Amino acid sequence: MFGLGMQELIIILVIVLILFGAKRLPELAGGIGKAIKNFKKGMNEPDEIDVTPKKPVDEGKPTDEKKV
């Protein structure tokens, strides 16, 4: 796994535990899980950007409004 052995993974886990604390680890794991889920969802969905050209508005054309 990425060229890391069991000792390296344990050392990384201990450092993360020291930095963030035991109470915060489930919160971090949940945030990382949601980020990965949203990333995968975003990769599978089509782009939502509409690039079709809009018709120009003709300002000289009379409107349906009645003038008093």
Protein backbone atom coordinates (compact mmCIF):
# COMPACT_ATOMS: atom_id res chain seq x y z
CA MET A 1 0.00 0.00 0.00
CA PHE A 2 1.88 3.05 -1.32
CA GLY A 3 5.16 1.45 -0.27
CA LEU A 4 4.34 1.90 3.43
CA GLY A 5 4.83 -0.93 5.86
CA MET A 6 2.91 -1.68 9.03
CA GLN A 7 5.41 0.23 11.21
CA GLU A 8 5.10 3.40 9.14
CA LEU A 9 1.29 3.25 9.26
CA ILE A 10 1.32 2.81 13.04
CA ILE A 11 3.67 5.78 13.44
CA ILE A 12 1.44 7.95 11.26
CA LEU A 13 -1.64 6.87 13.25
CA VAL A 14 0.07 7.73 16.55
CA ILE A 15 1.11 11.16 15.25
CA VAL A 16 -2.45 11.89 14.06
CA LEU A 17 -3.81 10.73 17.41
CA ILE A 18 -1.42 13.05 19.24
CA LEU A 19 -2.18 16.03 17.00
CA PHE A 20 -5.97 15.81 16.95
CA GLY A 21 -6.87 13.80 20.04
CA ALA A 22 -9.11 10.80 20.46
CA LYS A 23 -12.33 12.81 20.64
CA ARG A 24 -11.75 14.50 17.33
CA LEU A 25 -10.75 11.42 15.26
CA PRO A 26 -14.32 10.20 14.52
CA GLU A 27 -15.23 13.73 13.44
CA LEU A 28 -12.23 13.88 11.09
CA ALA A 29 -12.94 10.44 9.66
CA GLY A 30 -16.56 11.40 8.98
CA GLY A 31 -15.48 14.60 7.25
CA ILE A 32 -12.98 12.75 5.08
CA GLY A 33 -15.62 10.14 4.21
CA LYS A 34 -18.12 12.82 3.17
CA ALA A 35 -15.48 14.60 1.09
CA ILE A 36 -14.58 11.40 -0.76
CA LYS A 37 -18.28 10.60 -1.32
CA ASN A 38 -18.95 14.09 -2.73
CA PHE A 39 -15.85 13.90 -4.92
CA LYS A 40 -16.93 10.58 -6.42
CA LYS A 41 -20.46 11.90 -6.91
CA GLY A 42 -19.13 14.98 -8.66
CA MET A 43 -16.95 12.89 -10.96
CA ASN A 44 -19.91 10.77 -12.08
CA GLU A 45 -22.39 13.61 -12.63
CA PRO A 46 -22.42 15.55 -15.90
CA ASP A 47 -21.34 19.17 -15.88
CA GLU A 48 -24.10 21.57 -14.89
CA ILE A 49 -22.66 24.58 -16.69
CA ASP A 50 -24.94 25.68 -19.52
CA VAL A 51 -22.84 27.06 -22.36
CA THR A 52 -25.61 27.51 -24.92
CA PRO A 53 -25.72 31.07 -26.27
CA LYS A 54 -28.64 33.20 -25.18
CA LYS A 55 -30.75 35.18 -27.61
CA PRO A 56 -29.93 38.90 -27.45
CA VAL A 57 -32.64 41.15 -26.07
CA ASP A 58 -33.92 43.59 -28.70
CA GLU A 59 -34.44 46.91 -26.90
CA GLY A 60 -36.09 48.62 -29.88
CA LYS A 61 -38.89 46.10 -30.06
CA PRO A 62 -42.20 47.25 -28.55
CA THR A 63 -43.33 45.43 -25.43
CA ASP A 64 -46.76 44.09 -24.50
CA GLU A 65 -47.18 46.80 -21.86
CA LYS A 66 -49.84 49.41 -22.51
CA LYS A 67 -48.81 53.03 -22.21
CA VAL A 68 -51.23 55.40 -20.48
